[in-house]
């Protein structure tokens, strides 16, 4: 399984970015997909998640501003980020959690993409 994130960059506060996570080796539609943020000096924290059933969940800090979505045809998961704040700065990681077919149980991480929000 390989996950490749893209879409990070530098943006001013109040701006928007859209991150994408492309998966290979399995299907995002059969997996639970999550986005994490690792801010400087902090541990990785869950930002948004979408289950294989399509149920979404968000950290309180991003509710109403971020949207996670899945494109089964492209085998990708995206994170649309609006009204960005300086505290959204950090490396964003995509995580895939498989619970069964076709690859069995396991967790996989992407390499991360840097997001920097300037004030």
C-alpha atoms as a PDB file:
ATOM      1  CA  UNK A   1       0.000   0.000   0.000  1.00  0.00           C
ATOM      2  CA  UNK A   2       1.261   3.432  -0.909  1.00  0.00           C
ATOM      3  CA  UNK A   3      -0.237   6.802  -0.021  1.00  0.00           C
ATOM      4  CA  UNK A   4       0.918   9.993  -1.719  1.00  0.00           C
ATOM      5  CA  UNK A   5      -0.244  13.363  -0.435  1.00  0.00           C
ATOM      6  CA  UNK A   6      -0.214  16.560  -2.460  1.00  0.00           C
ATOM      7  CA  UNK A   7      -1.643  20.058  -2.381  1.00  0.00           C
ATOM      8  CA  UNK A   8       0.201  21.623   0.493  1.00  0.00           C
ATOM      9  CA  UNK A   9       1.775  25.051   0.335  1.00  0.00           C
ATOM     10  CA  UNK A  10       1.922  28.559   1.723  1.00  0.00           C
ATOM     11  CA  UNK A  11      -1.285  30.524   2.121  1.00  0.00           C
ATOM     12  CA  UNK A  12      -2.397  33.633   3.970  1.00  0.00           C
ATOM     13  CA  UNK A  13      -4.768  33.437   6.875  1.00  0.00           C
ATOM     14  CA  UNK A  14      -8.332  33.221   5.629  1.00  0.00           C
ATOM     15  CA  UNK A  15      -7.273  31.427   2.473  1.00  0.00           C
ATOM     16  CA  UNK A  16      -7.994  27.923   1.233  1.00  0.00           C
ATOM     17  CA  UNK A  17      -6.106  24.815   0.237  1.00  0.00           C
ATOM     18  CA  UNK A  18      -7.164  21.386  -0.944  1.00  0.00           C
ATOM     19  CA  UNK A  19      -5.054  18.383  -0.025  1.00  0.00           C
ATOM     20  CA  UNK A  20      -5.255  15.106  -1.883  1.00  0.00           C
ATOM     21  CA  UNK A  21      -4.181  11.599  -0.913  1.00  0.00           C
ATOM     22  CA  UNK A  22      -3.810   9.060  -3.695  1.00  0.00           C
ATOM     23  CA  UNK A  23      -3.808   5.417  -2.678  1.00  0.00           C
ATOM     24  CA  UNK A  24      -2.450   2.387  -4.460  1.00  0.00           C
ATOM     25  CA  UNK A  25      -2.455  -1.241  -3.445  1.00  0.00           C
ATOM     26  CA  UNK A  26      -5.942  -1.219  -2.013  1.00  0.00           C
ATOM     27  CA  UNK A  27      -9.212   0.662  -2.217  1.00  0.00           C
ATOM     28  CA  UNK A  28     -10.068   3.767  -0.223  1.00  0.00           C
ATOM     29  CA  UNK A  29     -13.728   2.787  -0.514  1.00  0.00           C
ATOM     30  CA  UNK A  30     -13.020  -0.294   1.611  1.00  0.00           C
ATOM     31  CA  UNK A  31     -10.876   1.526   4.158  1.00  0.00           C
ATOM     32  CA  UNK A  32     -11.157   4.101   6.898  1.00  0.00           C
ATOM     33  CA  UNK A  33      -9.258   7.192   5.795  1.00  0.00           C
ATOM     34  CA  UNK A  34      -7.918   9.878   8.096  1.00  0.00           C
ATOM     35  CA  UNK A  35      -6.021  13.168   7.923  1.00  0.00           C
ATOM     36  CA  UNK A  36      -3.674  14.135  10.721  1.00  0.00           C
ATOM     37  CA  UNK A  37      -1.861  17.370  11.490  1.00  0.00           C
ATOM     38  CA  UNK A  38       1.531  17.462  13.114  1.00  0.00           C
ATOM     39  CA  UNK A  39       2.189  21.027  14.163  1.00  0.00           C
ATOM     40  CA  UNK A  40       5.757  22.060  15.037  1.00  0.00           C
ATOM     41  CA  UNK A  41       6.753  20.543  18.362  1.00  0.00           C
ATOM     42  CA  UNK A  42       3.495  18.628  18.704  1.00  0.00           C
ATOM     43  CA  UNK A  43       2.298  15.085  18.212  1.00  0.00           C
ATOM     44  CA  UNK A  44       0.133  14.121  15.294  1.00  0.00           C
ATOM     45  CA  UNK A  45      -3.500  14.911  15.900  1.00  0.00           C
ATOM     46  CA  UNK A  46      -6.544  13.657  14.061  1.00  0.00           C
ATOM     47  CA  UNK A  47      -8.135  16.367  11.943  1.00  0.00           C
ATOM     48  CA  UNK A  48     -10.735  14.547   9.880  1.00  0.00           C
ATOM     49  CA  UNK A  49     -11.844  11.017   9.107  1.00  0.00           C
ATOM     50  CA  UNK A  50     -14.142   9.184   6.741  1.00  0.00           C
ATOM     51  CA  UNK A  51     -15.128   5.581   7.248  1.00  0.00           C
ATOM     52  CA  UNK A  52     -15.631   2.978   4.562  1.00  0.00           C
ATOM     53  CA  UNK A  53     -19.358   3.552   5.089  1.00  0.00           C
ATOM     54  CA  UNK A  54     -18.908   7.244   4.353  1.00  0.00           C
ATOM     55  CA  UNK A  55     -19.351   8.557   7.871  1.00  0.00           C
ATOM     56  CA  UNK A  56     -17.255  11.645   8.569  1.00  0.00           C
ATOM     57  CA  UNK A  57     -15.791  13.034  11.762  1.00  0.00           C
ATOM     58  CA  UNK A  58     -13.862  16.231  12.479  1.00  0.00           C
ATOM     59  CA  UNK A  59     -11.768  17.727  15.224  1.00  0.00           C
ATOM     60  CA  UNK A  60     -13.604  20.559  16.953  1.00  0.00           C
ATOM     61  CA  UNK A  61     -10.938  23.001  15.799  1.00  0.00           C
ATOM     62  CA  UNK A  62     -11.750  22.454  12.112  1.00  0.00           C
ATOM     63  CA  UNK A  63     -15.500  21.842  12.138  1.00  0.00           C
ATOM     64  CA  UNK A  64     -17.223  24.065   9.626  1.00  0.00           C
ATOM     65  CA  UNK A  65     -13.938  24.905   7.894  1.00  0.00           C
ATOM     66  CA  UNK A  66     -12.546  21.574   6.648  1.00  0.00           C
ATOM     67  CA  UNK A  67     -14.277  18.930   4.554  1.00  0.00           C
ATOM     68  CA  UNK A  68     -13.050  15.399   3.945  1.00  0.00           C
ATOM     69  CA  UNK A  69     -14.269  13.607   0.841  1.00  0.00           C
ATOM     70  CA  UNK A  70     -13.587  10.405  -1.005  1.00  0.00           C
ATOM     71  CA  UNK A  71     -13.410   9.829  -4.757  1.00  0.00           C
ATOM     72  CA  UNK A  72     -13.783   6.119  -5.279  1.00  0.00           C
ATOM     73  CA  UNK A  73     -13.234   6.322  -9.036  1.00  0.00           C
ATOM     74  CA  UNK A  74      -9.857   8.010  -8.548  1.00  0.00           C
ATOM     75  CA  UNK A  75      -9.071   6.079  -5.346  1.00  0.00           C
ATOM     76  CA  UNK A  76      -8.293   9.321  -3.554  1.00  0.00           C
ATOM     77  CA  UNK A  77      -9.305  11.177  -0.429  1.00  0.00           C
ATOM     78  CA  UNK A  78      -9.241  14.949  -0.219  1.00  0.00           C
ATOM     79  CA  UNK A  79      -9.265  17.524   2.525  1.00  0.00           C
ATOM     80  CA  UNK A  80     -10.708  20.887   1.560  1.00  0.00           C
ATOM     81  CA  UNK A  81      -9.488  23.523   4.001  1.00  0.00           C
ATOM     82  CA  UNK A  82     -11.155  26.934   4.147  1.00  0.00           C
ATOM     83  CA  UNK A  83     -10.764  29.946   6.429  1.00  0.00           C
ATOM     84  CA  UNK A  84      -7.282  28.785   7.284  1.00  0.00           C
ATOM     85  CA  UNK A  85      -5.646  30.014  10.475  1.00  0.00           C
ATOM     86  CA  UNK A  86      -1.970  30.189  11.464  1.00  0.00           C
ATOM     87  CA  UNK A  87      -2.612  27.381  13.960  1.00  0.00           C
ATOM     88  CA  UNK A  88      -3.470  25.089  11.027  1.00  0.00           C
ATOM     89  CA  UNK A  89       0.212  25.170  10.084  1.00  0.00           C
ATOM     90  CA  UNK A  90       2.104  21.898  10.059  1.00  0.00           C
ATOM     91  CA  UNK A  91       2.586  18.686   8.163  1.00  0.00           C
ATOM     92  CA  UNK A  92      -0.601  16.929   7.119  1.00  0.00           C
ATOM     93  CA  UNK A  93      -0.521  13.168   6.875  1.00  0.00           C
ATOM     94  CA  UNK A  94      -2.950  10.804   5.224  1.00  0.00           C
ATOM     95  CA  UNK A  95      -3.603   7.489   6.971  1.00  0.00           C
ATOM     96  CA  UNK A  96      -5.362   4.404   5.667  1.00  0.00           C
ATOM     97  CA  UNK A  97      -6.765   1.813   8.025  1.00  0.00           C
ATOM     98  CA  UNK A  98      -7.759  -1.502   6.537  1.00  0.00           C
ATOM     99  CA  UNK A  99      -9.916  -3.951   8.440  1.00  0.00           C
ATOM    100  CA  UNK A 100     -10.235  -6.752   5.895  1.00  0.00           C
ATOM    101  CA  UNK A 101     -10.315  -7.577   2.211  1.00  0.00           C
ATOM    102  CA  UNK A 102      -8.236  -7.259   0.139  1.00  0.00           C
ATOM    103  CA  UNK A 103      -5.132  -6.616   2.260  1.00  0.00           C
ATOM    104  CA  UNK A 104      -6.211  -7.643   5.740  1.00  0.00           C
ATOM    105  CA  UNK A 105      -5.776  -5.524   8.830  1.00  0.00           C
ATOM    106  CA  UNK A 106      -3.201  -2.778   8.812  1.00  0.00           C
ATOM    107  CA  UNK A 107      -2.433   0.912   9.005  1.00  0.00           C
ATOM    108  CA  UNK A 108      -0.490   2.888   6.441  1.00  0.00           C
ATOM    109  CA  UNK A 109       0.794   6.459   6.355  1.00  0.00           C
ATOM    110  CA  UNK A 110       1.713   8.835   3.606  1.00  0.00           C
ATOM    111  CA  UNK A 111       4.874  10.923   3.616  1.00  0.00           C
ATOM    112  CA  UNK A 112       3.074  14.130   4.558  1.00  0.00           C
ATOM    113  CA  UNK A 113       2.576  17.499   2.924  1.00  0.00           C
ATOM    114  CA  UNK A 114       3.511  20.838   4.470  1.00  0.00           C
ATOM    115  CA  UNK A 115       0.889  23.522   5.005  1.00  0.00           C
ATOM    116  CA  UNK A 116       1.986  26.954   6.181  1.00  0.00           C
ATOM    117  CA  UNK A 117      -0.563  29.638   7.014  1.00  0.00           C
ATOM    118  CA  UNK A 118       0.852  33.120   7.424  1.00  0.00           C
ATOM    119  CA  UNK A 119      -0.817  35.747   9.557  1.00  0.00           C
END
